[in-house]
Amino acid sequence: GENIAVGYADAASVIAAWQGSTGHYQNMINTVYTRGAIAHMYDGD
């Protein structure tokens, strides 16, 4: 499973965006998953 996003400047806003989308949210609360991680990158622009 994988969620991706671009343009959200902080953790709260990206989590809220994923929560507001059915596909993202189902990944986040799927009981099949037991392990995970989240990474964040920003650039010169």
PDB file of all heavy atoms in Angstrom:
ATOM      1  N   GLY A   1       0.833  -1.198   0.000  1.00  0.00           N
ATOM      2  CA  GLY A   1       0.000   0.000   0.000  1.00  0.00           C
ATOM      3  C   GLY A   1       0.865   1.245   0.000  1.00  0.00           C
ATOM      4  O   GLY A   1       1.970   1.260   0.548  1.00  0.00           O
ATOM      5  N   GLU A   2       0.359   2.310  -0.627  1.00  0.00           N
ATOM      6  CA  GLU A   2       1.125   3.557  -0.698  1.00  0.00           C
ATOM      7  C   GLU A   2       0.181   4.744  -0.857  1.00  0.00           C
ATOM      8  O   GLU A   2      -0.757   4.710  -1.656  1.00  0.00           O
ATOM      9  CB  GLU A   2       2.082   3.510  -1.890  1.00  0.00           C
ATOM     10  CG  GLU A   2       2.905   4.791  -2.071  1.00  0.00           C
ATOM     11  CD  GLU A   2       3.789   4.722  -3.306  1.00  0.00           C
ATOM     12  OE1 GLU A   2       3.262   4.999  -4.421  1.00  0.00           O
ATOM     13  OE2 GLU A   2       4.988   4.381  -3.170  1.00  0.00           O
ATOM     14  N   ASN A   3       0.415   5.800  -0.090  1.00  0.00           N
ATOM     15  CA  ASN A   3      -0.240   7.096  -0.285  1.00  0.00           C
ATOM     16  C   ASN A   3       0.824   8.099  -0.679  1.00  0.00           C
ATOM     17  O   ASN A   3       1.909   8.118  -0.086  1.00  0.00           O
ATOM     18  CB  ASN A   3      -0.904   7.591   1.008  1.00  0.00           C
ATOM     19  CG  ASN A   3      -2.200   6.861   1.314  1.00  0.00           C
ATOM     20  OD1 ASN A   3      -2.721   6.128   0.483  1.00  0.00           O
ATOM     21  ND2 ASN A   3      -2.723   7.076   2.513  1.00  0.00           N
ATOM     22  N   ILE A   4       0.528   8.950  -1.654  1.00  0.00           N
ATOM     23  CA  ILE A   4       1.474   9.993  -2.030  1.00  0.00           C
ATOM     24  C   ILE A   4       0.722  11.327  -2.091  1.00  0.00           C
ATOM     25  O   ILE A   4      -0.499  11.379  -2.279  1.00  0.00           O
ATOM     26  CB  ILE A   4       2.177   9.702  -3.365  1.00  0.00           C
ATOM     27  CG1 ILE A   4       1.159   9.652  -4.528  1.00  0.00           C
ATOM     28  CG2 ILE A   4       2.985   8.425  -3.281  1.00  0.00           C
ATOM     29  CD1 ILE A   4       1.828   9.502  -5.892  1.00  0.00           C
ATOM     30  N   ALA A   5       1.455  12.412  -1.919  1.00  0.00           N
ATOM     31  CA  ALA A   5       0.845  13.739  -1.962  1.00  0.00           C
ATOM     32  C   ALA A   5       1.903  14.758  -2.327  1.00  0.00           C
ATOM     33  O   ALA A   5       3.090  14.565  -2.074  1.00  0.00           O
ATOM     34  CB  ALA A   5       0.232  14.097  -0.604  1.00  0.00           C
ATOM     35  N   VAL A   6       1.465  15.881  -2.895  1.00  0.00           N
ATOM     36  CA  VAL A   6       2.361  16.983  -3.200  1.00  0.00           C
ATOM     37  C   VAL A   6       1.668  18.286  -2.813  1.00  0.00           C
ATOM     38  O   VAL A   6       0.464  18.445  -3.011  1.00  0.00           O
ATOM     39  CB  VAL A   6       2.756  17.011  -4.688  1.00  0.00           C
ATOM     40  CG1 VAL A   6       1.540  17.190  -5.583  1.00  0.00           C
ATOM     41  CG2 VAL A   6       3.768  18.116  -4.969  1.00  0.00           C
ATOM     42  N   GLY A   7       2.437  19.207  -2.235  1.00  0.00           N
ATOM     43  CA  GLY A   7       1.939  20.557  -1.986  1.00  0.00           C
ATOM     44  C   GLY A   7       1.525  20.865  -0.572  1.00  0.00           C
ATOM     45  O   GLY A   7       1.255  22.014  -0.258  1.00  0.00           O
ATOM     46  N   TYR A   8       1.456  19.877   0.319  1.00  0.00           N
ATOM     47  CA  TYR A   8       1.022  20.127   1.692  1.00  0.00           C
ATOM     48  C   TYR A   8       2.237  20.415   2.564  1.00  0.00           C
ATOM     49  O   TYR A   8       3.162  19.621   2.657  1.00  0.00           O
ATOM     50  CB  TYR A   8       0.221  18.939   2.223  1.00  0.00           C
ATOM     51  CG  TYR A   8      -1.052  18.743   1.445  1.00  0.00           C
ATOM     52  CD1 TYR A   8      -1.098  17.856   0.364  1.00  0.00           C
ATOM     53  CD2 TYR A   8      -2.191  19.470   1.744  1.00  0.00           C
ATOM     54  CE1 TYR A   8      -2.250  17.697  -0.381  1.00  0.00           C
ATOM     55  CE2 TYR A   8      -3.349  19.321   1.013  1.00  0.00           C
ATOM     56  CZ  TYR A   8      -3.378  18.432  -0.051  1.00  0.00           C
ATOM     57  OH  TYR A   8      -4.515  18.286  -0.779  1.00  0.00           O
ATOM     58  N   ALA A   9       2.222  21.568   3.248  1.00  0.00           N
ATOM     59  CA  ALA A   9       3.424  22.064   3.900  1.00  0.00           C
ATOM     60  C   ALA A   9       3.684  21.457   5.261  1.00  0.00           C
ATOM     61  O   ALA A   9       4.779  21.608   5.791  1.00  0.00           O
ATOM     62  CB  ALA A   9       3.340  23.589   4.045  1.00  0.00           C
ATOM     63  N   ASP A  10       2.704  20.766   5.854  1.00  0.00           N
ATOM     64  CA  ASP A  10       2.932  20.219   7.194  1.00  0.00           C
ATOM     65  C   ASP A  10       2.182  18.907   7.347  1.00  0.00           C
ATOM     66  O   ASP A  10       1.329  18.536   6.524  1.00  0.00           O
ATOM     67  CB  ASP A  10       2.513  21.208   8.285  1.00  0.00           C
ATOM     68  CG  ASP A  10       1.091  21.702   8.123  1.00  0.00           C
ATOM     69  OD1 ASP A  10       0.187  20.857   7.972  1.00  0.00           O
ATOM     70  OD2 ASP A  10       0.892  22.923   8.150  1.00  0.00           O
ATOM     71  N   ALA A  11       2.505  18.211   8.444  1.00  0.00           N
ATOM     72  CA  ALA A  11       1.934  16.884   8.680  1.00  0.00           C
ATOM     73  C   ALA A  11       0.419  16.942   8.822  1.00  0.00           C
ATOM     74  O   ALA A  11      -0.299  16.087   8.281  1.00  0.00           O
ATOM     75  CB  ALA A  11       2.570  16.275   9.927  1.00  0.00           C
ATOM     76  N   ALA A  12      -0.086  17.957   9.554  1.00  0.00           N
ATOM     77  CA  ALA A  12      -1.526  18.029   9.799  1.00  0.00           C
ATOM     78  C   ALA A  12      -2.311  18.168   8.501  1.00  0.00           C
ATOM     79  O   ALA A  12      -3.361  17.539   8.318  1.00  0.00           O
ATOM     80  CB  ALA A  12      -1.839  19.195  10.736  1.00  0.00           C
ATOM     81  N   SER A  13      -1.806  19.016   7.573  1.00  0.00           N
ATOM     82  CA  SER A  13      -2.566  19.245   6.346  1.00  0.00           C
ATOM     83  C   SER A  13      -2.545  18.023   5.430  1.00  0.00           C
ATOM     84  O   SER A  13      -3.549  17.708   4.790  1.00  0.00           O
ATOM     85  CB  SER A  13      -2.034  20.477   5.612  1.00  0.00           C
ATOM     86  OG  SER A  13      -0.684  20.308   5.251  1.00  0.00           O
ATOM     87  N   VAL A  14      -1.427  17.294   5.336  1.00  0.00           N
ATOM     88  CA  VAL A  14      -1.405  16.129   4.457  1.00  0.00           C
ATOM     89  C   VAL A  14      -2.241  14.990   5.034  1.00  0.00           C
ATOM     90  O   VAL A  14      -2.943  14.281   4.301  1.00  0.00           O
ATOM     91  CB  VAL A  14       0.038  15.676   4.154  1.00  0.00           C
ATOM     92  CG1 VAL A  14       0.683  14.993   5.354  1.00  0.00           C
ATOM     93  CG2 VAL A  14       0.056  14.747   2.934  1.00  0.00           C
ATOM     94  N   ILE A  15      -2.194  14.798   6.347  1.00  0.00           N
ATOM     95  CA  ILE A  15      -3.024  13.758   6.964  1.00  0.00           C
ATOM     96  C   ILE A  15      -4.500  14.086   6.760  1.00  0.00           C
ATOM     97  O   ILE A  15      -5.320  13.196   6.453  1.00  0.00           O
ATOM     98  CB  ILE A  15      -2.684  13.611   8.462  1.00  0.00           C
ATOM     99  CG1 ILE A  15      -1.277  13.031   8.636  1.00  0.00           C
ATOM    100  CG2 ILE A  15      -3.711  12.728   9.166  1.00  0.00           C
ATOM    101  CD1 ILE A  15      -1.097  11.629   8.085  1.00  0.00           C
ATOM    102  N   ALA A  16      -4.870  15.384   6.904  1.00  0.00           N
ATOM    103  CA  ALA A  16      -6.268  15.781   6.688  1.00  0.00           C
ATOM    104  C   ALA A  16      -6.693  15.532   5.246  1.00  0.00           C
ATOM    105  O   ALA A  16      -7.818  15.093   4.980  1.00  0.00           O
ATOM    106  CB  ALA A  16      -6.454  17.256   7.051  1.00  0.00           C
ATOM    107  N   ALA A  17      -5.792  15.797   4.291  1.00  0.00           N
ATOM    108  CA  ALA A  17      -6.115  15.568   2.882  1.00  0.00           C
ATOM    109  C   ALA A  17      -6.314  14.085   2.596  1.00  0.00           C
ATOM    110  O   ALA A  17      -7.258  13.686   1.908  1.00  0.00           O
ATOM    111  CB  ALA A  17      -4.997  16.133   2.002  1.00  0.00           C
ATOM    112  N   TRP A  18      -5.406  13.242   3.106  1.00  0.00           N
ATOM    113  CA  TRP A  18      -5.567  11.796   2.905  1.00  0.00           C
ATOM    114  C   TRP A  18      -6.840  11.291   3.577  1.00  0.00           C
ATOM    115  O   TRP A  18      -7.542  10.448   3.041  1.00  0.00           O
ATOM    116  CB  TRP A  18      -4.345  11.063   3.462  1.00  0.00           C
ATOM    117  CG  TRP A  18      -3.133  11.149   2.555  1.00  0.00           C
ATOM    118  CD1 TRP A  18      -3.121  11.386   1.220  1.00  0.00           C
ATOM    119  CD2 TRP A  18      -1.767  10.994   2.956  1.00  0.00           C
ATOM    120  NE1 TRP A  18      -1.829  11.380   0.741  1.00  0.00           N
ATOM    121  CE2 TRP A  18      -0.966  11.140   1.785  1.00  0.00           C
ATOM    122  CE3 TRP A  18      -1.133  10.735   4.166  1.00  0.00           C
ATOM    123  CZ2 TRP A  18       0.420  11.031   1.798  1.00  0.00           C
ATOM    124  CZ3 TRP A  18       0.260  10.635   4.180  1.00  0.00           C
ATOM    125  CH2 TRP A  18       1.027  10.791   3.016  1.00  0.00           C
ATOM    126  N   GLN A  19      -7.135  11.845   4.758  1.00  0.00           N
ATOM    127  CA  GLN A  19      -8.347  11.416   5.470  1.00  0.00           C
ATOM    128  C   GLN A  19      -9.605  11.774   4.663  1.00  0.00           C
ATOM    129  O   GLN A  19     -10.613  11.065   4.711  1.00  0.00           O
ATOM    130  CB  GLN A  19      -8.414  12.092   6.849  1.00  0.00           C
ATOM    131  CG  GLN A  19      -9.613  11.656   7.688  1.00  0.00           C
ATOM    132  CD  GLN A  19      -9.691  12.420   8.999  1.00  0.00           C
ATOM    133  OE1 GLN A  19      -8.942  13.360   9.228  1.00  0.00           O
ATOM    134  NE2 GLN A  19     -10.581  11.990   9.867  1.00  0.00           N
ATOM    135  N   GLY A  20      -9.542  12.886   3.912  1.00  0.00           N
ATOM    136  CA  GLY A  20     -10.700  13.320   3.152  1.00  0.00           C
ATOM    137  C   GLY A  20     -10.917  12.565   1.861  1.00  0.00           C
ATOM    138  O   GLY A  20     -11.883  12.838   1.149  1.00  0.00           O
ATOM    139  N   SER A  21     -10.027  11.633   1.528  1.00  0.00           N
ATOM    140  CA  SER A  21     -10.165  10.864   0.299  1.00  0.00           C
ATOM    141  C   SER A  21     -10.376   9.387   0.649  1.00  0.00           C
ATOM    142  O   SER A  21      -9.610   8.805   1.426  1.00  0.00           O
ATOM    143  CB  SER A  21      -8.898  11.017  -0.547  1.00  0.00           C
ATOM    144  OG  SER A  21      -8.896  10.092  -1.615  1.00  0.00           O
ATOM    145  N   THR A  22     -11.391   8.785   0.062  1.00  0.00           N
ATOM    146  CA  THR A  22     -11.743   7.404   0.421  1.00  0.00           C
ATOM    147  C   THR A  22     -10.569   6.434   0.238  1.00  0.00           C
ATOM    148  O   THR A  22     -10.254   5.639   1.129  1.00  0.00           O
ATOM    149  CB  THR A  22     -12.937   6.932  -0.418  1.00  0.00           C
ATOM    150  OG1 THR A  22     -14.039   7.807  -0.197  1.00  0.00           O
ATOM    151  CG2 THR A  22     -13.335   5.504  -0.032  1.00  0.00           C
ATOM    152  N   GLY A  23      -9.901   6.520  -0.925  1.00  0.00           N
ATOM    153  CA  GLY A  23      -8.806   5.582  -1.182  1.00  0.00           C
ATOM    154  C   GLY A  23      -7.664   5.740  -0.202  1.00  0.00           C
ATOM    155  O   GLY A  23      -7.131   4.756   0.326  1.00  0.00           O
ATOM    156  N   HIS A  24      -7.272   6.986   0.060  1.00  0.00           N
ATOM    157  CA  HIS A  24      -6.196   7.234   1.011  1.00  0.00           C
ATOM    158  C   HIS A  24      -6.572   6.756   2.416  1.00  0.00           C
ATOM    159  O   HIS A  24      -5.780   6.124   3.119  1.00  0.00           O
ATOM    160  CB  HIS A  24      -5.877   8.737   1.082  1.00  0.00           C
ATOM    161  CG  HIS A  24      -5.375   9.310  -0.206  1.00  0.00           C
ATOM    162  ND1 HIS A  24      -6.203   9.667  -1.228  1.00  0.00           N
ATOM    163  CD2 HIS A  24      -4.105   9.583  -0.612  1.00  0.00           C
ATOM    164  CE1 HIS A  24      -5.486  10.164  -2.219  1.00  0.00           C
ATOM    165  NE2 HIS A  24      -4.193  10.110  -1.884  1.00  0.00           N
ATOM    166  N   TYR A  25      -7.801   7.116   2.798  1.00  0.00           N
ATOM    167  CA  TYR A  25      -8.235   6.797   4.155  1.00  0.00           C
ATOM    168  C   TYR A  25      -8.288   5.283   4.376  1.00  0.00           C
ATOM    169  O   TYR A  25      -7.903   4.794   5.455  1.00  0.00           O
ATOM    170  CB  TYR A  25      -9.599   7.442   4.405  1.00  0.00           C
ATOM    171  CG  TYR A  25     -10.110   7.253   5.812  1.00  0.00           C
ATOM    172  CD1 TYR A  25      -9.389   7.741   6.908  1.00  0.00           C
ATOM    173  CD2 TYR A  25     -11.311   6.576   6.053  1.00  0.00           C
ATOM    174  CE1 TYR A  25      -9.862   7.571   8.204  1.00  0.00           C
ATOM    175  CE2 TYR A  25     -11.781   6.405   7.339  1.00  0.00           C
ATOM    176  CZ  TYR A  25     -11.060   6.905   8.414  1.00  0.00           C
ATOM    177  OH  TYR A  25     -11.520   6.726   9.689  1.00  0.00           O
ATOM    178  N   GLN A  26      -8.738   4.558   3.376  1.00  0.00           N
ATOM    179  CA  GLN A  26      -8.801   3.103   3.528  1.00  0.00           C
ATOM    180  C   GLN A  26      -7.405   2.511   3.702  1.00  0.00           C
ATOM    181  O   GLN A  26      -7.213   1.556   4.460  1.00  0.00           O
ATOM    182  CB  GLN A  26      -9.506   2.483   2.314  1.00  0.00           C
ATOM    183  CG  GLN A  26     -11.004   2.775   2.256  1.00  0.00           C
ATOM    184  CD  GLN A  26     -11.708   2.317   3.523  1.00  0.00           C
ATOM    185  OE1 GLN A  26     -11.471   1.202   4.030  1.00  0.00           O
ATOM    186  NE2 GLN A  26     -12.583   3.180   4.054  1.00  0.00           N
ATOM    187  N   ASN A  27      -6.420   3.055   3.004  1.00  0.00           N
ATOM    188  CA  ASN A  27      -5.045   2.610   3.246  1.00  0.00           C
ATOM    189  C   ASN A  27      -4.634   2.871   4.694  1.00  0.00           C
ATOM    190  O   ASN A  27      -4.010   2.037   5.351  1.00  0.00           O
ATOM    191  CB  ASN A  27      -4.081   3.353   2.318  1.00  0.00           C
ATOM    192  CG  ASN A  27      -3.805   2.592   1.033  1.00  0.00           C
ATOM    193  OD1 ASN A  27      -4.167   1.430   0.887  1.00  0.00           O
ATOM    194  ND2 ASN A  27      -3.148   3.264   0.090  1.00  0.00           N
ATOM    195  N   MET A  28      -4.990   4.071   5.198  1.00  0.00           N
ATOM    196  CA  MET A  28      -4.536   4.486   6.523  1.00  0.00           C
ATOM    197  C   MET A  28      -5.123   3.630   7.644  1.00  0.00           C
ATOM    198  O   MET A  28      -4.467   3.391   8.666  1.00  0.00           O
ATOM    199  CB  MET A  28      -4.882   5.964   6.758  1.00  0.00           C
ATOM    200  CG  MET A  28      -4.163   6.909   5.804  1.00  0.00           C
ATOM    201  SD  MET A  28      -4.865   8.578   5.821  1.00  0.00           S
ATOM    202  CE  MET A  28      -4.206   9.197   7.351  1.00  0.00           C
ATOM    203  N   ILE A  29      -6.354   3.139   7.467  1.00  0.00           N
ATOM    204  CA  ILE A  29      -7.012   2.397   8.555  1.00  0.00           C
ATOM    205  C   ILE A  29      -7.164   0.905   8.255  1.00  0.00           C
ATOM    206  O   ILE A  29      -7.810   0.175   9.011  1.00  0.00           O
ATOM    207  CB  ILE A  29      -8.394   3.006   8.869  1.00  0.00           C
ATOM    208  CG1 ILE A  29      -9.351   2.832   7.686  1.00  0.00           C
ATOM    209  CG2 ILE A  29      -8.273   4.481   9.266  1.00  0.00           C
ATOM    210  CD1 ILE A  29     -10.790   3.181   8.005  1.00  0.00           C
ATOM    211  N   ASN A  30      -6.558   0.461   7.155  1.00  0.00           N
ATOM    212  CA  ASN A  30      -6.687  -0.952   6.748  1.00  0.00           C
ATOM    213  C   ASN A  30      -6.088  -1.852   7.838  1.00  0.00           C
ATOM    214  O   ASN A  30      -4.908  -1.745   8.187  1.00  0.00           O
ATOM    215  CB  ASN A  30      -5.966  -1.171   5.415  1.00  0.00           C
ATOM    216  CG  ASN A  30      -6.359  -2.476   4.759  1.00  0.00           C
ATOM    217  OD1 ASN A  30      -6.655  -3.457   5.444  1.00  0.00           O
ATOM    218  ND2 ASN A  30      -6.341  -2.487   3.435  1.00  0.00           N
ATOM    219  N   THR A  31      -6.914  -2.764   8.343  1.00  0.00           N
ATOM    220  CA  THR A  31      -6.449  -3.649   9.430  1.00  0.00           C
ATOM    221  C   THR A  31      -5.491  -4.741   8.939  1.00  0.00           C
ATOM    222  O   THR A  31      -4.852  -5.422   9.753  1.00  0.00           O
ATOM    223  CB  THR A  31      -7.653  -4.306  10.121  1.00  0.00           C
ATOM    224  OG1 THR A  31      -8.423  -5.018   9.147  1.00  0.00           O
ATOM    225  CG2 THR A  31      -8.537  -3.257  10.786  1.00  0.00           C
ATOM    226  N   VAL A  32      -5.378  -4.899   7.612  1.00  0.00           N
ATOM    227  CA  VAL A  32      -4.427  -5.878   7.066  1.00  0.00           C
ATOM    228  C   VAL A  32      -2.997  -5.417   7.320  1.00  0.00           C
ATOM    229  O   VAL A  32      -2.096  -6.235   7.545  1.00  0.00           O
ATOM    230  CB  VAL A  32      -4.680  -6.074   5.555  1.00  0.00           C
ATOM    231  CG1 VAL A  32      -3.592  -6.948   4.923  1.00  0.00           C
ATOM    232  CG2 VAL A  32      -6.064  -6.700   5.330  1.00  0.00           C
ATOM    233  N   TYR A  33      -2.777  -4.105   7.301  1.00  0.00           N
ATOM    234  CA  TYR A  33      -1.427  -3.575   7.459  1.00  0.00           C
ATOM    235  C   TYR A  33      -1.023  -3.560   8.932  1.00  0.00           C
ATOM    236  O   TYR A  33      -1.829  -3.219   9.811  1.00  0.00           O
ATOM    237  CB  TYR A  33      -1.328  -2.158   6.901  1.00  0.00           C
ATOM    238  CG  TYR A  33      -1.671  -2.054   5.434  1.00  0.00           C
ATOM    239  CD1 TYR A  33      -2.456  -1.009   4.955  1.00  0.00           C
ATOM    240  CD2 TYR A  33      -1.204  -2.998   4.533  1.00  0.00           C
ATOM    241  CE1 TYR A  33      -2.761  -0.903   3.617  1.00  0.00           C
ATOM    242  CE2 TYR A  33      -1.502  -2.899   3.187  1.00  0.00           C
ATOM    243  CZ  TYR A  33      -2.289  -1.862   2.726  1.00  0.00           C
ATOM    244  OH  TYR A  33      -2.595  -1.762   1.402  1.00  0.00           O
ATOM    245  N   THR A  34       0.250  -3.899   9.174  1.00  0.00           N
ATOM    246  CA  THR A  34       0.765  -3.883  10.550  1.00  0.00           C
ATOM    247  C   THR A  34       2.014  -3.030  10.689  1.00  0.00           C
ATOM    248  O   THR A  34       2.399  -2.661  11.796  1.00  0.00           O
ATOM    249  CB  THR A  34       1.109  -5.313  11.002  1.00  0.00           C
ATOM    250  OG1 THR A  34       2.089  -5.870  10.112  1.00  0.00           O
ATOM    251  CG2 THR A  34      -0.144  -6.185  11.016  1.00  0.00           C
ATOM    252  N   ARG A  35       2.664  -2.710   9.560  1.00  0.00           N
ATOM    253  CA  ARG A  35       3.884  -1.920   9.595  1.00  0.00           C
ATOM    254  C   ARG A  35       3.777  -0.758   8.602  1.00  0.00           C
ATOM    255  O   ARG A  35       2.985  -0.820   7.650  1.00  0.00           O
ATOM    256  CB  ARG A  35       5.096  -2.769   9.213  1.00  0.00           C
ATOM    257  CG  ARG A  35       5.395  -3.918  10.161  1.00  0.00           C
ATOM    258  CD  ARG A  35       6.547  -4.794   9.657  1.00  0.00           C
ATOM    259  NE  ARG A  35       6.248  -5.432   8.383  1.00  0.00           N
ATOM    260  CZ  ARG A  35       6.983  -5.309   7.290  1.00  0.00           C
ATOM    261  NH1 ARG A  35       8.057  -4.536   7.310  1.00  0.00           N
ATOM    262  NH2 ARG A  35       6.656  -5.948   6.173  1.00  0.00           N
ATOM    263  N   GLY A  36       4.586   0.281   8.824  1.00  0.00           N
ATOM    264  CA  GLY A  36       4.549   1.393   7.894  1.00  0.00           C
ATOM    265  C   GLY A  36       5.613   2.423   8.197  1.00  0.00           C
ATOM    266  O   GLY A  36       6.387   2.284   9.147  1.00  0.00           O
ATOM    267  N   ALA A  37       5.617   3.494   7.391  1.00  0.00           N
ATOM    268  CA  ALA A  37       6.519   4.623   7.587  1.00  0.00           C
ATOM    269  C   ALA A  37       6.024   5.766   6.705  1.00  0.00           C
ATOM    270  O   ALA A  37       5.288   5.556   5.729  1.00  0.00           O
ATOM    271  CB  ALA A  37       7.955   4.265   7.235  1.00  0.00           C
ATOM    272  N   ILE A  38       6.434   6.998   7.024  1.00  0.00           N
ATOM    273  CA  ILE A  38       6.081   8.184   6.230  1.00  0.00           C
ATOM    274  C   ILE A  38       7.339   9.022   6.054  1.00  0.00           C
ATOM    275  O   ILE A  38       8.105   9.234   7.004  1.00  0.00           O
ATOM    276  CB  ILE A  38       4.986   9.024   6.906  1.00  0.00           C
ATOM    277  CG1 ILE A  38       3.666   8.225   7.005  1.00  0.00           C
ATOM    278  CG2 ILE A  38       4.739  10.331   6.138  1.00  0.00           C
ATOM    279  CD1 ILE A  38       2.521   8.973   7.667  1.00  0.00           C
ATOM    280  N   ALA A  39       7.562   9.509   4.828  1.00  0.00           N
ATOM    281  CA  ALA A  39       8.684  10.392   4.525  1.00  0.00           C
ATOM    282  C   ALA A  39       8.173  11.678   3.904  1.00  0.00           C
ATOM    283  O   ALA A  39       7.104  11.720   3.279  1.00  0.00           O
ATOM    284  CB  ALA A  39       9.667   9.703   3.584  1.00  0.00           C
ATOM    285  N   HIS A  40       8.969  12.749   4.060  1.00  0.00           N
ATOM    286  CA  HIS A  40       8.604  14.087   3.592  1.00  0.00           C
ATOM    287  C   HIS A  40       9.822  14.700   2.923  1.00  0.00           C
ATOM    288  O   HIS A  40      10.927  14.641   3.460  1.00  0.00           O
ATOM    289  CB  HIS A  40       8.161  14.932   4.800  1.00  0.00           C
ATOM    290  CG  HIS A  40       7.931  16.379   4.482  1.00  0.00           C
ATOM    291  ND1 HIS A  40       8.165  17.375   5.406  1.00  0.00           N
ATOM    292  CD2 HIS A  40       7.489  16.997   3.355  1.00  0.00           C
ATOM    293  CE1 HIS A  40       7.872  18.545   4.859  1.00  0.00           C
ATOM    294  NE2 HIS A  40       7.452  18.343   3.616  1.00  0.00           N
ATOM    295  N   MET A  41       9.621  15.314   1.770  1.00  0.00           N
ATOM    296  CA  MET A  41      10.705  15.962   1.066  1.00  0.00           C
ATOM    297  C   MET A  41      10.230  17.317   0.558  1.00  0.00           C
ATOM    298  O   MET A  41       9.074  17.476   0.170  1.00  0.00           O
ATOM    299  CB  MET A  41      11.160  15.102  -0.131  1.00  0.00           C
ATOM    300  CG  MET A  41      12.343  15.690  -0.897  1.00  0.00           C
ATOM    301  SD  MET A  41      12.889  14.611  -2.239  1.00  0.00           S
ATOM    302  CE  MET A  41      11.600  14.905  -3.435  1.00  0.00           C
ATOM    303  N   TYR A  42      11.114  18.324   0.583  1.00  0.00           N
ATOM    304  CA  TYR A  42      10.815  19.595  -0.051  1.00  0.00           C
ATOM    305  C   TYR A  42      12.039  20.081  -0.791  1.00  0.00           C
ATOM    306  O   TYR A  42      13.158  19.647  -0.537  1.00  0.00           O
ATOM    307  CB  TYR A  42      10.323  20.646   0.959  1.00  0.00           C
ATOM    308  CG  TYR A  42      11.129  20.756   2.231  1.00  0.00           C
ATOM    309  CD1 TYR A  42      12.267  21.554   2.300  1.00  0.00           C
ATOM    310  CD2 TYR A  42      10.713  20.075   3.376  1.00  0.00           C
ATOM    311  CE1 TYR A  42      12.977  21.664   3.472  1.00  0.00           C
ATOM    312  CE2 TYR A  42      11.422  20.187   4.558  1.00  0.00           C
ATOM    313  CZ  TYR A  42      12.557  20.988   4.608  1.00  0.00           C
ATOM    314  OH  TYR A  42      13.260  21.095   5.773  1.00  0.00           O
ATOM    315  N   ASP A  43      11.791  21.005  -1.760  1.00  0.00           N
ATOM    316  CA  ASP A  43      12.878  21.395  -2.658  1.00  0.00           C
ATOM    317  C   ASP A  43      13.080  22.906  -2.660  1.00  0.00           C
ATOM    318  O   ASP A  43      12.443  23.649  -1.914  1.00  0.00           O
ATOM    319  CB  ASP A  43      12.601  20.889  -4.072  1.00  0.00           C
ATOM    320  CG  ASP A  43      11.345  21.500  -4.686  1.00  0.00           C
ATOM    321  OD1 ASP A  43      10.952  22.613  -4.259  1.00  0.00           O
ATOM    322  OD2 ASP A  43      10.762  20.883  -5.582  1.00  0.00           O
ATOM    323  N   GLY A  44      13.979  23.355  -3.519  1.00  0.00           N
ATOM    324  CA  GLY A  44      14.327  24.762  -3.583  1.00  0.00           C
ATOM    325  C   GLY A  44      13.211  25.663  -4.053  1.00  0.00           C
ATOM    326  O   GLY A  44      13.258  26.871  -3.854  1.00  0.00           O
ATOM    327  N   ASP A  45      12.205  25.106  -4.695  1.00  0.00           N
ATOM    328  CA  ASP A  45      11.046  25.893  -5.125  1.00  0.00           C
ATOM    329  C   ASP A  45       9.955  25.946  -4.062  1.00  0.00           C
ATOM    330  O   ASP A  45       8.898  26.526  -4.276  1.00  0.00           O
ATOM    331  CB  ASP A  45      10.443  25.308  -6.407  1.00  0.00           C
ATOM    332  CG  ASP A  45      11.341  25.553  -7.607  1.00  0.00           C
ATOM    333  OD1 ASP A  45      12.196  26.454  -7.517  1.00  0.00           O
ATOM    334  OD2 ASP A  45      11.191  24.843  -8.604  1.00  0.00           O
TER     335      ASP A  45
END
